[in-house]
Amino acid sequence: MSSENKGEQHGSSAHGMLPVPPGMDLMEYLDLREKAESYIRMVGYLYVDLAFHEENPEQKEKFEKESKRHSTLLKSMKWMNMEAAKPIVAEYPELIRRLREKVKGSDA
């Protein structure tokens, strides 16, 4: 390894090398990305479930828009960027908890 590349780590993938951000090891980086993807997917599913059970047309439309927004985010791959993934991993567990409570309330 040359002295120029000493601080960089790279992991292999099907598309070549993944640049690992400075200060993170490869496993930490992959774990963050995996969690972000999983959380976005879960939130999208919860919004679909809420829209399905919602009778108020305005609220139903709001839930459908949120589901589509999360689907678009998932497809955009922007969550793979560390600046996007970190807040998702920090904020989405609480959002998922609140949405699950709403789903349980709509099932009752």
C-alpha atoms as a PDB file:
ATOM      1  CA  MET A   1       0.000   0.000   0.000  1.00  0.00           C
ATOM      2  CA  SER A   2       1.444   3.371  -0.919  1.00  0.00           C
ATOM      3  CA  SER A   3       1.703   6.136   1.668  1.00  0.00           C
ATOM      4  CA  GLU A   4      -0.941   8.097  -0.286  1.00  0.00           C
ATOM      5  CA  ASN A   5      -3.579   5.387   0.272  1.00  0.00           C
ATOM      6  CA  LYS A   6      -2.669   4.479   3.830  1.00  0.00           C
ATOM      7  CA  GLY A   7      -5.691   6.163   5.473  1.00  0.00           C
ATOM      8  CA  GLU A   8      -8.251   4.725   3.064  1.00  0.00           C
ATOM      9  CA  GLN A   9      -9.907   1.346   3.348  1.00  0.00           C
ATOM     10  CA  HIS A  10     -11.796  -0.316   0.576  1.00  0.00           C
ATOM     11  CA  GLY A  11     -14.140  -3.237   0.610  1.00  0.00           C
ATOM     12  CA  SER A  12     -14.981  -5.295  -2.419  1.00  0.00           C
ATOM     13  CA  SER A  13     -18.433  -5.447  -3.916  1.00  0.00           C
ATOM     14  CA  ALA A  14     -20.004  -6.649  -7.118  1.00  0.00           C
ATOM     15  CA  HIS A  15     -19.477  -3.171  -8.555  1.00  0.00           C
ATOM     16  CA  GLY A  16     -15.878  -2.731  -7.484  1.00  0.00           C
ATOM     17  CA  MET A  17     -14.427  -0.987  -4.474  1.00  0.00           C
ATOM     18  CA  LEU A  18     -16.464   0.786  -1.775  1.00  0.00           C
ATOM     19  CA  PRO A  19     -14.711   3.782  -0.262  1.00  0.00           C
ATOM     20  CA  VAL A  20     -15.028   3.554   3.512  1.00  0.00           C
ATOM     21  CA  PRO A  21     -15.299   6.972   5.163  1.00  0.00           C
ATOM     22  CA  PRO A  22     -12.327   7.986   7.321  1.00  0.00           C
ATOM     23  CA  GLY A  23     -12.734   6.943  10.934  1.00  0.00           C
ATOM     24  CA  MET A  24     -14.991   3.957  10.124  1.00  0.00           C
ATOM     25  CA  ASP A  25     -14.050   0.380   9.591  1.00  0.00           C
ATOM     26  CA  LEU A  26     -15.657  -1.615   6.801  1.00  0.00           C
ATOM     27  CA  MET A  27     -18.033  -3.576   9.048  1.00  0.00           C
ATOM     28  CA  GLU A  28     -19.266  -0.422  10.801  1.00  0.00           C
ATOM     29  CA  TYR A  29     -19.840   1.219   7.424  1.00  0.00           C
ATOM     30  CA  LEU A  30     -21.749  -1.772   6.023  1.00  0.00           C
ATOM     31  CA  ASP A  31     -23.807  -2.096   9.212  1.00  0.00           C
ATOM     32  CA  LEU A  32     -24.843   1.565   9.023  1.00  0.00           C
ATOM     33  CA  ARG A  33     -25.898   1.216   5.392  1.00  0.00           C
ATOM     34  CA  GLU A  34     -27.799  -2.012   6.082  1.00  0.00           C
ATOM     35  CA  LYS A  35     -29.665  -0.457   9.011  1.00  0.00           C
ATOM     36  CA  ALA A  36     -30.563   2.661   7.014  1.00  0.00           C
ATOM     37  CA  GLU A  37     -31.952   0.566   4.156  1.00  0.00           C
ATOM     38  CA  SER A  38     -33.892  -1.661   6.533  1.00  0.00           C
ATOM     39  CA  TYR A  39     -35.392   1.279   8.441  1.00  0.00           C
ATOM     40  CA  ILE A  40     -36.509   3.044   5.256  1.00  0.00           C
ATOM     41  CA  ARG A  41     -38.103  -0.146   3.971  1.00  0.00           C
ATOM     42  CA  MET A  42     -39.904  -0.735   7.303  1.00  0.00           C
ATOM     43  CA  VAL A  43     -41.252   2.834   7.465  1.00  0.00           C
ATOM     44  CA  GLY A  44     -42.545   2.519   3.903  1.00  0.00           C
ATOM     45  CA  TYR A  45     -44.369  -0.716   4.772  1.00  0.00           C
ATOM     46  CA  LEU A  46     -45.868   0.805   7.912  1.00  0.00           C
ATOM     47  CA  TYR A  47     -47.217   3.768   5.934  1.00  0.00           C
ATOM     48  CA  VAL A  48     -48.778   1.350   3.416  1.00  0.00           C
ATOM     49  CA  ASP A  49     -50.416  -0.520   6.279  1.00  0.00           C
ATOM     50  CA  LEU A  50     -51.719   2.702   7.811  1.00  0.00           C
ATOM     51  CA  ALA A  51     -53.096   3.891   4.462  1.00  0.00           C
ATOM     52  CA  PHE A  52     -54.843   0.566   3.958  1.00  0.00           C
ATOM     53  CA  HIS A  53     -56.693   0.849   7.277  1.00  0.00           C
ATOM     54  CA  GLU A  54     -57.363   4.605   7.141  1.00  0.00           C
ATOM     55  CA  GLU A  55     -60.896   5.757   6.415  1.00  0.00           C
ATOM     56  CA  ASN A  56     -60.238   9.518   6.376  1.00  0.00           C
ATOM     57  CA  PRO A  57     -59.363  10.346   2.718  1.00  0.00           C
ATOM     58  CA  GLU A  58     -56.990  13.185   3.639  1.00  0.00           C
ATOM     59  CA  GLN A  59     -55.083  11.081   6.149  1.00  0.00           C
ATOM     60  CA  LYS A  60     -55.051   8.126   3.743  1.00  0.00           C
ATOM     61  CA  GLU A  61     -53.511  10.356   1.045  1.00  0.00           C
ATOM     62  CA  LYS A  62     -50.897  11.606   3.531  1.00  0.00           C
ATOM     63  CA  PHE A  63     -49.891   8.027   4.410  1.00  0.00           C
ATOM     64  CA  GLU A  64     -49.741   7.040   0.723  1.00  0.00           C
ATOM     65  CA  LYS A  65     -47.506  10.042  -0.059  1.00  0.00           C
ATOM     66  CA  GLU A  66     -45.168   9.114   2.794  1.00  0.00           C
ATOM     67  CA  SER A  67     -45.016   5.532   1.559  1.00  0.00           C
ATOM     68  CA  LYS A  68     -44.160   6.701  -1.956  1.00  0.00           C
ATOM     69  CA  ARG A  69     -41.578   9.157  -0.599  1.00  0.00           C
ATOM     70  CA  HIS A  70     -39.804   6.371   1.273  1.00  0.00           C
ATOM     71  CA  SER A  71     -39.991   4.078  -1.741  1.00  0.00           C
ATOM     72  CA  THR A  72     -38.396   6.807  -3.854  1.00  0.00           C
ATOM     73  CA  LEU A  73     -35.697   7.343  -1.217  1.00  0.00           C
ATOM     74  CA  LEU A  74     -34.969   3.627  -1.160  1.00  0.00           C
ATOM     75  CA  LYS A  75     -34.691   3.474  -4.956  1.00  0.00           C
ATOM     76  CA  SER A  76     -32.565   6.634  -5.113  1.00  0.00           C
ATOM     77  CA  MET A  77     -29.838   4.963  -3.038  1.00  0.00           C
ATOM     78  CA  LYS A  78     -29.182   8.314  -1.281  1.00  0.00           C
ATOM     79  CA  TRP A  79     -29.388   6.459   2.046  1.00  0.00           C
ATOM     80  CA  MET A  80     -26.040   4.895   1.155  1.00  0.00           C
ATOM     81  CA  ASN A  81     -24.406   8.289   1.700  1.00  0.00           C
ATOM     82  CA  MET A  82     -23.134   8.578   5.279  1.00  0.00           C
ATOM     83  CA  GLU A  83     -24.633  12.061   5.700  1.00  0.00           C
ATOM     84  CA  ALA A  84     -28.069  10.567   4.948  1.00  0.00           C
ATOM     85  CA  ALA A  85     -27.608   7.190   6.666  1.00  0.00           C
ATOM     86  CA  LYS A  86     -26.536   8.507  10.071  1.00  0.00           C
ATOM     87  CA  PRO A  87     -29.683  10.596  10.733  1.00  0.00           C
ATOM     88  CA  ILE A  88     -31.887   7.782   9.411  1.00  0.00           C
ATOM     89  CA  VAL A  89     -30.307   5.284  11.799  1.00  0.00           C
ATOM     90  CA  ALA A  90     -30.616   7.797  14.651  1.00  0.00           C
ATOM     91  CA  GLU A  91     -34.215   8.933  14.029  1.00  0.00           C
ATOM     92  CA  TYR A  92     -36.082   6.069  12.369  1.00  0.00           C
ATOM     93  CA  PRO A  93     -36.276   3.618  15.309  1.00  0.00           C
ATOM     94  CA  GLU A  94     -38.475   6.141  17.153  1.00  0.00           C
ATOM     95  CA  LEU A  95     -40.519   6.799  13.996  1.00  0.00           C
ATOM     96  CA  ILE A  96     -40.986   3.049  13.523  1.00  0.00           C
ATOM     97  CA  ARG A  97     -42.135   2.701  17.141  1.00  0.00           C
ATOM     98  CA  ARG A  98     -44.722   5.494  16.706  1.00  0.00           C
ATOM     99  CA  LEU A  99     -45.966   4.106  13.398  1.00  0.00           C
ATOM    100  CA  ARG A 100     -46.309   0.602  14.862  1.00  0.00           C
ATOM    101  CA  GLU A 101     -48.427   2.051  17.680  1.00  0.00           C
ATOM    102  CA  LYS A 102     -50.681   3.709  15.072  1.00  0.00           C
ATOM    103  CA  VAL A 103     -50.966   0.448  13.135  1.00  0.00           C
ATOM    104  CA  LYS A 104     -51.944  -1.406  16.319  1.00  0.00           C
ATOM    105  CA  GLY A 105     -54.547   1.281  17.037  1.00  0.00           C
ATOM    106  CA  SER A 106     -55.989   1.021  13.538  1.00  0.00           C
ATOM    107  CA  ASP A 107     -56.261  -2.773  13.799  1.00  0.00           C
ATOM    108  CA  ALA A 108     -58.324  -2.557  16.982  1.00  0.00           C
END
